[in-house]
PDB file of N, CA and C in Angstrom:
ATOM      1  N   MET A   1     106.440 118.207  91.973  1.00  0.00           N
ATOM      2  CA  MET A   1     106.144 116.410  92.151  1.00  0.00           C
ATOM      3  C   MET A   1     105.156 115.896  92.781  1.00  0.00           C
ATOM      4  N   THR A   2     104.509 115.079  92.003  1.00  0.00           N
ATOM      5  CA  THR A   2     103.317 114.719  92.378  1.00  0.00           C
ATOM      6  C   THR A   2     103.756 113.318  94.064  1.00  0.00           C
ATOM      7  N   GLU A   3     102.470 113.655  95.106  1.00  0.00           N
ATOM      8  CA  GLU A   3     102.810 112.882  96.077  1.00  0.00           C
ATOM      9  C   GLU A   3     101.923 111.854  96.469  1.00  0.00           C
ATOM     10  N   ILE A   4     102.150 110.982  96.722  1.00  0.00           N
ATOM     11  CA  ILE A   4     101.257 109.605  96.393  1.00  0.00           C
ATOM     12  C   ILE A   4     100.176 109.478  97.863  1.00  0.00           C
ATOM     13  N   SER A   5      98.412 109.440  97.532  1.00  0.00           N
ATOM     14  CA  SER A   5      97.778 109.518  98.754  1.00  0.00           C
ATOM     15  C   SER A   5      98.000 108.363  98.846  1.00  0.00           C
ATOM     16  N   SER A   6      97.514 109.118 100.801  1.00  0.00           N
ATOM     17  CA  SER A   6      97.753 108.088 101.528  1.00  0.00           C
ATOM     18  C   SER A   6      96.767 106.891 101.135  1.00  0.00           C
ATOM     19  N   ASP A   7      95.406 107.313 100.002  1.00  0.00           N
ATOM     20  CA  ASP A   7      94.474 106.413 100.721  1.00  0.00           C
ATOM     21  C   ASP A   7      95.093 105.550  99.759  1.00  0.00           C
ATOM     22  N   VAL A   8      95.818 105.660  98.793  1.00  0.00           N
ATOM     23  CA  VAL A   8      96.185 104.660  98.032  1.00  0.00           C
ATOM     24  C   VAL A   8      97.121 103.772  98.181  1.00  0.00           C
ATOM     25  N   ILE A   9      98.228 104.070  99.098  1.00  0.00           N
ATOM     26  CA  ILE A   9      99.679 103.655  99.246  1.00  0.00           C
ATOM     27  C   ILE A   9      98.755 102.602 100.904  1.00  0.00           C
ATOM     28  N   ARG A  10      98.164 103.147 101.862  1.00  0.00           N
ATOM     29  CA  ARG A  10      97.547 102.364 103.152  1.00  0.00           C
ATOM     30  C   ARG A  10      97.516 101.024 103.529  1.00  0.00           C
ATOM     31  N   GLY A  11      97.060 100.283 102.180  1.00  0.00           N
ATOM     32  CA  GLY A  11      97.451  98.880 102.104  1.00  0.00           C
ATOM     33  C   GLY A  11      98.822  97.827 102.127  1.00  0.00           C
ATOM     34  N   TYR A  12      99.243  99.036 102.110  1.00  0.00           N
ATOM     35  CA  TYR A  12     100.754  98.828 101.927  1.00  0.00           C
ATOM     36  C   TYR A  12     101.469  98.963 102.832  1.00  0.00           C
ATOM     37  N   ASN A  13     101.479  99.582 103.650  1.00  0.00           N
ATOM     38  CA  ASN A  13     102.115 100.611 104.835  1.00  0.00           C
ATOM     39  C   ASN A  13     102.745  99.489 105.168  1.00  0.00           C
ATOM     40  N   ASP A  14     101.805  97.982 105.955  1.00  0.00           N
ATOM     41  CA  ASP A  14     103.019  97.123 106.731  1.00  0.00           C
ATOM     42  C   ASP A  14     103.790  96.537 105.924  1.00  0.00           C
ATOM     43  N   THR A  15     103.760  96.255 104.629  1.00  0.00           N
ATOM     44  CA  THR A  15     104.452  95.705 103.736  1.00  0.00           C
ATOM     45  C   THR A  15     106.128  96.159 103.449  1.00  0.00           C
ATOM     46  N   MET A  16     106.166  97.598 103.629  1.00  0.00           N
ATOM     47  CA  MET A  16     106.871  98.623 103.498  1.00  0.00           C
ATOM     48  C   MET A  16     108.159  98.185 104.757  1.00  0.00           C
ATOM     49  N   ILE A  17     106.741  98.481 106.242  1.00  0.00           N
ATOM     50  CA  ILE A  17     107.385  98.411 107.111  1.00  0.00           C
ATOM     51  C   ILE A  17     108.263  97.179 107.776  1.00  0.00           C
ATOM     52  N   LEU A  18     107.493  95.734 107.149  1.00  0.00           N
ATOM     53  CA  LEU A  18     107.797  94.498 107.478  1.00  0.00           C
ATOM     54  C   LEU A  18     109.243  94.292 106.426  1.00  0.00           C
ATOM     55  N   TYR A  19     108.968  95.400 105.249  1.00  0.00           N
ATOM     56  CA  TYR A  19     110.641  95.197 104.719  1.00  0.00           C
ATOM     57  C   TYR A  19     111.894  95.429 104.748  1.00  0.00           C
ATOM     58  N   LEU A  20     111.738  96.789 105.789  1.00  0.00           N
ATOM     59  CA  LEU A  20     112.797  97.372 106.628  1.00  0.00           C
ATOM     60  C   LEU A  20     113.203  96.481 108.020  1.00  0.00           C
ATOM     61  N   LEU A  21     112.183  95.980 108.203  1.00  0.00           N
ATOM     62  CA  LEU A  21     112.706  95.142 109.563  1.00  0.00           C
ATOM     63  C   LEU A  21     112.837  93.242 109.255  1.00  0.00           C
ATOM     64  N   LEU A  22     112.708  93.369 107.584  1.00  0.00           N
ATOM     65  CA  LEU A  22     113.700  91.634 107.436  1.00  0.00           C
ATOM     66  C   LEU A  22     114.687  91.358 107.622  1.00  0.00           C
ATOM     67  N   ASN A  23     116.203  92.542 108.004  1.00  0.00           N
ATOM     68  CA  ASN A  23     117.194  92.038 108.462  1.00  0.00           C
ATOM     69  C   ASN A  23     117.043  92.417 109.711  1.00  0.00           C
ATOM     70  N   GLU A  24     117.090  93.605 109.927  1.00  0.00           N
ATOM     71  CA  GLU A  24     117.149  94.104 111.934  1.00  0.00           C
ATOM     72  C   GLU A  24     116.389  95.017 111.812  1.00  0.00           C
ATOM     73  N   PRO A  25     116.221  94.938 113.830  1.00  0.00           N
ATOM     74  CA  PRO A  25     115.160  95.519 114.019  1.00  0.00           C
ATOM     75  C   PRO A  25     115.487  97.183 113.682  1.00  0.00           C
ATOM     76  N   SER A  26     114.180  97.894 114.424  1.00  0.00           N
ATOM     77  CA  SER A  26     114.515  99.613 114.232  1.00  0.00           C
ATOM     78  C   SER A  26     113.381 100.109 115.026  1.00  0.00           C
ATOM     79  N   TYR A  27     113.376 101.132 115.014  1.00  0.00           N
ATOM     80  CA  TYR A  27     112.562 101.969 115.772  1.00  0.00           C
ATOM     81  C   TYR A  27     111.656 103.061 115.007  1.00  0.00           C
ATOM     82  N   GLY A  28     110.652 103.388 115.258  1.00  0.00           N
ATOM     83  CA  GLY A  28     109.312 104.516 114.754  1.00  0.00           C
ATOM     84  C   GLY A  28     110.172 105.584 113.759  1.00  0.00           C
ATOM     85  N   TYR A  29     111.084 106.866 114.547  1.00  0.00           N
ATOM     86  CA  TYR A  29     111.841 107.537 113.169  1.00  0.00           C
ATOM     87  C   TYR A  29     112.539 107.321 112.346  1.00  0.00           C
ATOM     88  N   GLU A  30     113.199 106.162 112.674  1.00  0.00           N
ATOM     89  CA  GLU A  30     114.432 105.448 112.357  1.00  0.00           C
ATOM     90  C   GLU A  30     113.496 104.794 110.578  1.00  0.00           C
ATOM     91  N   LEU A  31     112.030 103.944 110.977  1.00  0.00           N
ATOM     92  CA  LEU A  31     111.876 103.666 109.763  1.00  0.00           C
ATOM     93  C   LEU A  31     111.241 104.630 108.528  1.00  0.00           C
ATOM     94  N   SER A  32     110.064 105.447 109.461  1.00  0.00           N
ATOM     95  CA  SER A  32     109.520 106.969 108.859  1.00  0.00           C
ATOM     96  C   SER A  32     110.619 107.799 107.791  1.00  0.00           C
ATOM     97  N   LYS A  33     112.142 107.804 108.610  1.00  0.00           N
ATOM     98  CA  LYS A  33     113.180 108.558 107.566  1.00  0.00           C
ATOM     99  C   LYS A  33     114.015 107.290 106.183  1.00  0.00           C
ATOM    100  N   GLN A  34     113.490 106.275 106.365  1.00  0.00           N
ATOM    101  CA  GLN A  34     114.530 104.757 105.555  1.00  0.00           C
ATOM    102  C   GLN A  34     112.781 105.041 104.556  1.00  0.00           C
ATOM    103  N   ILE A  35     111.589 105.191 104.952  1.00  0.00           N
ATOM    104  CA  ILE A  35     110.649 104.755 103.635  1.00  0.00           C
ATOM    105  C   ILE A  35     110.200 106.373 103.007  1.00  0.00           C
ATOM    106  N   LYS A  36     110.592 107.528 103.650  1.00  0.00           N
ATOM    107  CA  LYS A  36     110.437 108.520 102.992  1.00  0.00           C
ATOM    108  C   LYS A  36     111.603 108.891 101.669  1.00  0.00           C
ATOM    109  N   THR A  37     112.944 108.176 102.453  1.00  0.00           N
ATOM    110  CA  THR A  37     114.361 108.065 101.462  1.00  0.00           C
ATOM    111  C   THR A  37     114.406 106.903 100.179  1.00  0.00           C
ATOM    112  N   MET A  38     113.667 106.170 100.598  1.00  0.00           N
ATOM    113  CA  MET A  38     113.566 104.976  99.518  1.00  0.00           C
ATOM    114  C   MET A  38     112.240 105.285  98.887  1.00  0.00           C
ATOM    115  N   SER A  39     111.594 106.214  98.844  1.00  0.00           N
ATOM    116  CA  SER A  39     110.149 106.393  97.645  1.00  0.00           C
ATOM    117  C   SER A  39     110.709 107.983  97.457  1.00  0.00           C
ATOM    118  N   ASP A  40     111.849 108.440  97.416  1.00  0.00           N
ATOM    119  CA  ASP A  40     112.752 109.570  97.065  1.00  0.00           C
ATOM    120  C   ASP A  40     112.031 110.550  97.333  1.00  0.00           C
ATOM    121  N   GLY A  41     110.960 110.788  98.952  1.00  0.00           N
ATOM    122  CA  GLY A  41     110.490 111.775  99.002  1.00  0.00           C
ATOM    123  C   GLY A  41     108.686 111.868  98.844  1.00  0.00           C
ATOM    124  N   LYS A  42     108.516 110.679  97.854  1.00  0.00           N
ATOM    125  CA  LYS A  42     107.239 110.744  97.362  1.00  0.00           C
ATOM    126  C   LYS A  42     106.169 110.211  98.452  1.00  0.00           C
ATOM    127  N   TYR A  43     106.421 109.903  99.361  1.00  0.00           N
ATOM    128  CA  TYR A  43     105.630 109.531 100.335  1.00  0.00           C
ATOM    129  C   TYR A  43     106.364 109.447 101.609  1.00  0.00           C
ATOM    130  N   ILE A  44     105.984 109.861 102.709  1.00  0.00           N
ATOM    131  CA  ILE A  44     106.124 110.294 103.933  1.00  0.00           C
ATOM    132  C   ILE A  44     104.871 109.942 104.577  1.00  0.00           C
ATOM    133  N   ILE A  45     105.145 108.654 105.610  1.00  0.00           N
ATOM    134  CA  ILE A  45     104.384 108.676 106.228  1.00  0.00           C
ATOM    135  C   ILE A  45     104.145 109.476 107.537  1.00  0.00           C
ATOM    136  N   LYS A  46     102.824 109.244 108.051  1.00  0.00           N
ATOM    137  CA  LYS A  46     102.515 110.159 109.220  1.00  0.00           C
ATOM    138  C   LYS A  46     102.577 109.178 110.705  1.00  0.00           C
ATOM    139  N   GLU A  47     103.057 109.414 111.335  1.00  0.00           N
ATOM    140  CA  GLU A  47     103.215 108.801 112.828  1.00  0.00           C
ATOM    141  C   GLU A  47     102.541 108.338 113.716  1.00  0.00           C
ATOM    142  N   THR A  48     101.220 108.891 113.410  1.00  0.00           N
ATOM    143  CA  THR A  48     100.523 108.126 113.793  1.00  0.00           C
ATOM    144  C   THR A  48      99.745 107.055 112.306  1.00  0.00           C
ATOM    145  N   THR A  49      99.943 107.170 111.656  1.00  0.00           N
ATOM    146  CA  THR A  49      99.650 105.987 110.693  1.00  0.00           C
ATOM    147  C   THR A  49     101.173 104.609 111.358  1.00  0.00           C
ATOM    148  N   LEU A  50     102.089 105.301 111.064  1.00  0.00           N
ATOM    149  CA  LEU A  50     103.341 104.634 111.458  1.00  0.00           C
ATOM    150  C   LEU A  50     102.837 103.349 113.062  1.00  0.00           C
ATOM    151  N   TYR A  51     102.481 104.497 113.888  1.00  0.00           N
ATOM    152  CA  TYR A  51     102.445 103.855 115.265  1.00  0.00           C
ATOM    153  C   TYR A  51     100.928 103.151 114.955  1.00  0.00           C
ATOM    154  N   SER A  52      99.762 103.616 114.361  1.00  0.00           N
ATOM    155  CA  SER A  52      98.582 102.135 114.598  1.00  0.00           C
ATOM    156  C   SER A  52      99.421 101.599 113.645  1.00  0.00           C
ATOM    157  N   ALA A  53     100.160 101.253 112.459  1.00  0.00           N
ATOM    158  CA  ALA A  53     100.409  99.654 111.836  1.00  0.00           C
ATOM    159  C   ALA A  53     101.377  99.112 112.840  1.00  0.00           C
ATOM    160  N   PHE A  54     102.067  99.777 113.636  1.00  0.00           N
ATOM    161  CA  PHE A  54     103.129  99.154 114.585  1.00  0.00           C
ATOM    162  C   PHE A  54     101.849  97.987 115.707  1.00  0.00           C
ATOM    163  N   SER A  55     101.126  98.530 116.196  1.00  0.00           N
ATOM    164  CA  SER A  55     100.379  98.391 117.460  1.00  0.00           C
ATOM    165  C   SER A  55      98.853  97.421 116.653  1.00  0.00           C
ATOM    166  N   ARG A  56      98.411  97.272 115.238  1.00  0.00           N
ATOM    167  CA  ARG A  56      97.802  96.687 114.886  1.00  0.00           C
ATOM    168  C   ARG A  56      98.628  95.311 114.403  1.00  0.00           C
ATOM    169  N   MET A  57      99.780  95.485 113.988  1.00  0.00           N
ATOM    170  CA  MET A  57     101.025  94.219 113.807  1.00  0.00           C
ATOM    171  C   MET A  57     101.806  93.414 114.603  1.00  0.00           C
ATOM    172  N   GLU A  58     101.740  94.257 115.876  1.00  0.00           N
ATOM    173  CA  GLU A  58     101.742  93.745 117.248  1.00  0.00           C
ATOM    174  C   GLU A  58     100.687  92.695 117.599  1.00  0.00           C
ATOM    175  N   LYS A  59      99.772  93.177 117.493  1.00  0.00           N
ATOM    176  CA  LYS A  59      98.357  92.569 118.187  1.00  0.00           C
ATOM    177  C   LYS A  59      98.054  91.001 117.043  1.00  0.00           C
ATOM    178  N   ASN A  60      98.816  90.933 115.772  1.00  0.00           N
ATOM    179  CA  ASN A  60      98.721  89.648 114.709  1.00  0.00           C
ATOM    180  C   ASN A  60      99.614  89.480 115.007  1.00  0.00           C
ATOM    181  N   GLY A  61     100.728  89.531 115.767  1.00  0.00           N
ATOM    182  CA  GLY A  61     101.907  88.443 115.676  1.00  0.00           C
ATOM    183  C   GLY A  61     102.704  88.707 114.668  1.00  0.00           C
ATOM    184  N   TYR A  62     102.814  90.141 114.163  1.00  0.00           N
ATOM    185  CA  TYR A  62     103.387  89.954 112.888  1.00  0.00           C
ATOM    186  C   TYR A  62     105.128  90.275 113.259  1.00  0.00           C
ATOM    187  N   ILE A  63     104.936  91.468 114.139  1.00  0.00           N
ATOM    188  CA  ILE A  63     106.463  92.022 114.906  1.00  0.00           C
ATOM    189  C   ILE A  63     106.195  91.901 116.663  1.00  0.00           C
ATOM    190  N   GLU A  64     106.933  92.272 117.109  1.00  0.00           N
ATOM    191  CA  GLU A  64     107.445  92.241 118.448  1.00  0.00           C
ATOM    192  C   GLU A  64     108.127  93.624 118.755  1.00  0.00           C
ATOM    193  N   SER A  65     107.997  94.080 119.763  1.00  0.00           N
ATOM    194  CA  SER A  65     108.645  95.309 119.925  1.00  0.00           C
ATOM    195  C   SER A  65     109.467  95.192 121.327  1.00  0.00           C
ATOM    196  N   PHE A  66     110.351  95.761 122.055  1.00  0.00           N
ATOM    197  CA  PHE A  66     111.685  95.292 122.983  1.00  0.00           C
ATOM    198  C   PHE A  66     112.120  96.989 123.393  1.00  0.00           C
ATOM    199  N   VAL A  67     112.406  96.849 124.000  1.00  0.00           N
ATOM    200  CA  VAL A  67     112.907  98.563 124.893  1.00  0.00           C
ATOM    201  C   VAL A  67     114.636  97.995 124.904  1.00  0.00           C
ATOM    202  N   MET A  68     115.258  99.009 124.276  1.00  0.00           N
ATOM    203  CA  MET A  68     116.398  99.437 124.159  1.00  0.00           C
ATOM    204  C   MET A  68     117.139 100.392 124.376  1.00  0.00           C
ATOM    205  N   GLU A  69     118.074 100.563 125.189  1.00  0.00           N
ATOM    206  CA  GLU A  69     118.844 102.273 125.793  1.00  0.00           C
ATOM    207  C   GLU A  69     119.732 102.411 124.584  1.00  0.00           C
ATOM    208  N   THR A  70     119.285 103.935 124.439  1.00  0.00           N
ATOM    209  CA  THR A  70     120.094 104.332 123.302  1.00  0.00           C
ATOM    210  C   THR A  70     121.940 104.801 124.056  1.00  0.00           C
ATOM    211  N   GLY A  71     122.689 104.997 123.407  1.00  0.00           N
ATOM    212  CA  GLY A  71     123.874 105.471 123.669  1.00  0.00           C
ATOM    213  C   GLY A  71     124.311 106.596 124.311  1.00  0.00           C
ATOM    214  N   ASP A  72     123.281 107.371 124.174  1.00  0.00           N
ATOM    215  CA  ASP A  72     123.477 108.664 124.973  1.00  0.00           C
ATOM    216  C   ASP A  72     122.444 109.279 125.714  1.00  0.00           C
ATOM    217  N   GLY A  73     123.078 108.776 127.246  1.00  0.00           N
ATOM    218  CA  GLY A  73     122.698 109.101 128.281  1.00  0.00           C
ATOM    219  C   GLY A  73     121.494 108.054 128.953  1.00  0.00           C
ATOM    220  N   GLY A  74     121.566 106.891 128.543  1.00  0.00           N
ATOM    221  CA  GLY A  74     120.613 105.870 128.945  1.00  0.00           C
ATOM    222  C   GLY A  74     118.657 106.412 128.298  1.00  0.00           C
ATOM    223  N   LYS A  75     118.958 106.598 127.506  1.00  0.00           N
ATOM    224  CA  LYS A  75     117.477 107.125 127.351  1.00  0.00           C
ATOM    225  C   LYS A  75     116.746 105.884 126.668  1.00  0.00           C
ATOM    226  N   LYS A  76     115.812 105.165 127.035  1.00  0.00           N
ATOM    227  CA  LYS A  76     115.088 104.433 125.935  1.00  0.00           C
ATOM    228  C   LYS A  76     114.603 104.261 125.123  1.00  0.00           C
ATOM    229  N   ARG A  77     114.370 103.267 123.950  1.00  0.00           N
ATOM    230  CA  ARG A  77     113.905 103.292 122.434  1.00  0.00           C
ATOM    231  C   ARG A  77     112.705 102.527 122.777  1.00  0.00           C
ATOM    232  N   THR A  78     112.034 101.904 121.883  1.00  0.00           N
ATOM    233  CA  THR A  78     111.543 101.310 121.759  1.00  0.00           C
ATOM    234  C   THR A  78     111.902 100.728 119.743  1.00  0.00           C
ATOM    235  N   TYR A  79     112.477  99.124 120.454  1.00  0.00           N
ATOM    236  CA  TYR A  79     112.335  98.937 118.802  1.00  0.00           C
ATOM    237  C   TYR A  79     111.325  97.577 118.068  1.00  0.00           C
ATOM    238  N   TYR A  80     111.518  97.637 116.687  1.00  0.00           N
ATOM    239  CA  TYR A  80     110.322  96.474 116.742  1.00  0.00           C
ATOM    240  C   TYR A  80     111.269  95.510 115.756  1.00  0.00           C
ATOM    241  N   ARG A  81     110.797  94.063 116.263  1.00  0.00           N
ATOM    242  CA  ARG A  81     111.448  93.048 114.864  1.00  0.00           C
ATOM    243  C   ARG A  81     110.404  92.435 114.854  1.00  0.00           C
ATOM    244  N   ILE A  82     110.722  91.655 113.391  1.00  0.00           N
ATOM    245  CA  ILE A  82     109.880  90.894 112.929  1.00  0.00           C
ATOM    246  C   ILE A  82     109.711  89.236 113.243  1.00  0.00           C
ATOM    247  N   THR A  83     108.558  89.167 112.947  1.00  0.00           N
ATOM    248  CA  THR A  83     108.777  87.629 113.444  1.00  0.00           C
ATOM    249  C   THR A  83     108.046  86.571 112.257  1.00  0.00           C
ATOM    250  N   GLU A  84     108.065  85.400 113.077  1.00  0.00           N
ATOM    251  CA  GLU A  84     108.171  84.126 111.099  1.00  0.00           C
ATOM    252  C   GLU A  84     106.842  84.492 111.058  1.00  0.00           C
ATOM    253  N   PRO A  85     105.734  84.946 111.795  1.00  0.00           N
ATOM    254  CA  PRO A  85     104.171  84.866 110.985  1.00  0.00           C
ATOM    255  C   PRO A  85     103.992  86.251 110.553  1.00  0.00           C
ATOM    256  N   GLY A  86     105.243  87.580 110.612  1.00  0.00           N
ATOM    257  CA  GLY A  86     105.071  88.566 109.801  1.00  0.00           C
ATOM    258  C   GLY A  86     106.037  88.386 108.331  1.00  0.00           C
ATOM    259  N   ARG A  87     107.235  87.315 108.757  1.00  0.00           N
ATOM    260  CA  ARG A  87     107.719  86.896 107.542  1.00  0.00           C
ATOM    261  C   ARG A  87     106.620  86.257 106.290  1.00  0.00           C
ATOM    262  N   ALA A  88     105.854  85.690 106.871  1.00  0.00           N
ATOM    263  CA  ALA A  88     104.736  84.560 105.727  1.00  0.00           C
ATOM    264  C   ALA A  88     104.021  85.652 105.489  1.00  0.00           C
ATOM    265  N   TYR A  89     103.538  86.634 106.635  1.00  0.00           N
ATOM    266  CA  TYR A  89     102.546  87.725 106.283  1.00  0.00           C
ATOM    267  C   TYR A  89     103.407  88.734 104.367  1.00  0.00           C
ATOM    268  N   TYR A  90     104.671  89.242 105.222  1.00  0.00           N
ATOM    269  CA  TYR A  90     104.919  89.899 104.366  1.00  0.00           C
ATOM    270  C   TYR A  90     105.046  89.273 102.993  1.00  0.00           C
ATOM    271  N   ASN A  91     105.686  88.283 102.582  1.00  0.00           N
ATOM    272  CA  ASN A  91     105.546  87.255 101.506  1.00  0.00           C
ATOM    273  C   ASN A  91     104.360  87.318 100.484  1.00  0.00           C
ATOM    274  N   GLU A  92     103.138  86.867 101.726  1.00  0.00           N
ATOM    275  CA  GLU A  92     101.680  87.094 101.246  1.00  0.00           C
ATOM    276  C   GLU A  92     101.084  88.465 100.696  1.00  0.00           C
ATOM    277  N   LYS A  93     101.216  89.345 101.411  1.00  0.00           N
ATOM    278  CA  LYS A  93     101.385  91.045 100.533  1.00  0.00           C
ATOM    279  C   LYS A  93     102.537  91.391  99.638  1.00  0.00           C
ATOM    280  N   CYS A  94     103.592  90.330  99.189  1.00  0.00           N
ATOM    281  CA  CYS A  94     104.130  90.481  98.378  1.00  0.00           C
ATOM    282  C   CYS A  94     103.459  90.264  96.711  1.00  0.00           C
ATOM    283  N   GLU A  95     102.808  88.837  97.047  1.00  0.00           N
ATOM    284  CA  GLU A  95     102.287  88.381  95.772  1.00  0.00           C
ATOM    285  C   GLU A  95     101.048  88.752  95.950  1.00  0.00           C
ATOM    286  N   GLU A  96     100.260  89.410  96.914  1.00  0.00           N
ATOM    287  CA  GLU A  96      99.707  90.313  96.615  1.00  0.00           C
ATOM    288  C   GLU A  96      99.797  91.550  95.580  1.00  0.00           C
ATOM    289  N   TRP A  97     100.371  91.935  96.592  1.00  0.00           N
ATOM    290  CA  TRP A  97     101.135  93.237  95.660  1.00  0.00           C
ATOM    291  C   TRP A  97     101.169  92.682  93.886  1.00  0.00           C
ATOM    292  N   LEU A  98     101.664  91.915  93.613  1.00  0.00           N
ATOM    293  CA  LEU A  98     102.121  91.505  92.340  1.00  0.00           C
ATOM    294  C   LEU A  98     100.599  91.111  91.396  1.00  0.00           C
ATOM    295  N   LEU A  99      99.538  90.801  91.992  1.00  0.00           N
ATOM    296  CA  LEU A  99      98.574  90.443  91.362  1.00  0.00           C
ATOM    297  C   LEU A  99      97.797  92.011  91.152  1.00  0.00           C
ATOM    298  N   THR A 100      97.724  92.679  92.319  1.00  0.00           N
ATOM    299  CA  THR A 100      96.970  94.292  92.133  1.00  0.00           C
ATOM    300  C   THR A 100      97.818  95.087  91.225  1.00  0.00           C
ATOM    301  N   LYS A 101      99.118  94.605  90.801  1.00  0.00           N
ATOM    302  CA  LYS A 101     100.086  95.459  90.072  1.00  0.00           C
ATOM    303  C   LYS A 101      99.377  95.075  88.652  1.00  0.00           C
ATOM    304  N   GLU A 102      99.323  94.019  88.487  1.00  0.00           N
ATOM    305  CA  GLU A 102      99.189  93.528  87.040  1.00  0.00           C
ATOM    306  C   GLU A 102      97.610  93.544  86.310  1.00  0.00           C
ATOM    307  N   VAL A 103      96.734  93.792  87.320  1.00  0.00           N
ATOM    308  CA  VAL A 103      95.451  94.050  87.122  1.00  0.00           C
ATOM    309  C   VAL A 103      95.219  95.700  86.831  1.00  0.00           C
ATOM    310  N   VAL A 104      95.523  96.586  87.762  1.00  0.00           N
ATOM    311  CA  VAL A 104      95.476  97.742  87.566  1.00  0.00           C
ATOM    312  C   VAL A 104      96.517  98.265  86.485  1.00  0.00           C
ATOM    313  N   GLU A 105      97.547  97.750  86.149  1.00  0.00           N
ATOM    314  CA  GLU A 105      97.955  98.160  85.029  1.00  0.00           C
ATOM    315  C   GLU A 105      97.122  98.222  83.755  1.00  0.00           C
ATOM    316  N   LYS A 106      96.467  97.647  83.836  1.00  0.00           N
ATOM    317  CA  LYS A 106      95.161  96.933  82.482  1.00  0.00           C
ATOM    318  C   LYS A 106      94.896  98.339  82.007  1.00  0.00           C
ATOM    319  N   PHE A 107      94.481  99.180  83.086  1.00  0.00           N
ATOM    320  CA  PHE A 107      93.543 100.223  82.942  1.00  0.00           C
ATOM    321  C   PHE A 107      94.639 101.692  83.327  1.00  0.00           C
ATOM    322  N   ILE A 108      95.331 101.222  83.026  1.00  0.00           N
ATOM    323  CA  ILE A 108      96.465 103.016  83.463  1.00  0.00           C
ATOM    324  C   ILE A 108      96.951 102.653  81.989  1.00  0.00           C
ATOM    325  N   TYR A 109      96.844 104.072  81.123  1.00  0.00           N
ATOM    326  CA  TYR A 109      96.768 104.136  79.857  1.00  0.00           C
ATOM    327  C   TYR A 109      98.230 105.510  80.204  1.00  0.00           C
ATOM    328  N   GLU A 110      98.923 104.875  79.390  1.00  0.00           N
ATOM    329  CA  GLU A 110     100.317 105.020  78.913  1.00  0.00           C
ATOM    330  C   GLU A 110     100.689 105.960  77.468  1.00  0.00           C
ATOM    331  N   GLU A 111     101.492 107.185  77.476  1.00  0.00           N
ATOM    332  CA  GLU A 111     101.303 107.708  76.182  1.00  0.00           C
ATOM    333  C   GLU A 111     102.018 106.697  75.401  1.00  0.00           C
ATOM    334  N   SER A 112     103.695 105.986  75.743  1.00  0.00           N
ATOM    335  CA  SER A 112     103.913 105.069  74.883  1.00  0.00           C
ATOM    336  C   SER A 112     103.354 103.976  74.424  1.00  0.00           C
ATOM    337  N   ASN A 113     101.713 103.391  74.404  1.00  0.00           N
ATOM    338  CA  ASN A 113     101.656 102.164  74.273  1.00  0.00           C
ATOM    339  C   ASN A 113     100.500 102.794  73.299  1.00  0.00           C
ATOM    340  N   ASN A 114      99.911 104.443  73.580  1.00  0.00           N
ATOM    341  CA  ASN A 114      99.247 104.436  72.698  1.00  0.00           C
ATOM    342  C   ASN A 114      97.801 103.710  73.500  1.00  0.00           C
ATOM    343  N   GLY A 115      97.782 103.491  74.637  1.00  0.00           N
ATOM    344  CA  GLY A 115      96.110 102.695  75.373  1.00  0.00           C
ATOM    345  C   GLY A 115      96.564 101.324  74.786  1.00  0.00           C
ATOM    346  N   ASN A 116      96.805 100.607  74.253  1.00  0.00           N
ATOM    347  CA  ASN A 116      96.763  99.016  73.583  1.00  0.00           C
ATOM    348  C   ASN A 116      98.074  98.328  74.687  1.00  0.00           C
ATOM    349  N   ASN A 117      97.213  97.355  75.304  1.00  0.00           N
ATOM    350  CA  ASN A 117      97.957  96.356  76.291  1.00  0.00           C
ATOM    351  C   ASN A 117      98.649  95.525  75.685  1.00  0.00           C
TER     352      ASN A 117
END
């Protein structure tokens, strides 16, 4: 199975993370598991990549962090939630993706269309 190059997908890490935060707050490990599951194992986000994305997006006001105790003996965990500017940024990234996909698809050869678009 081919895995997705981190160079190719780097610009869309924020989009994936924000998508997962649209409905409820979450924490790093859970988000990385969800990304792996939703991509059918084709993309595994590295921990350093994930936490640098959190840091960058929090600095830009797209997410905010808060600490919650887990139910297992008072251990604390940092959760992240999307903000209104984060929702707007997510929508911009979705529009950007549609345009990017439209352009790049013109240069992708597929057996089924014999190179004709």
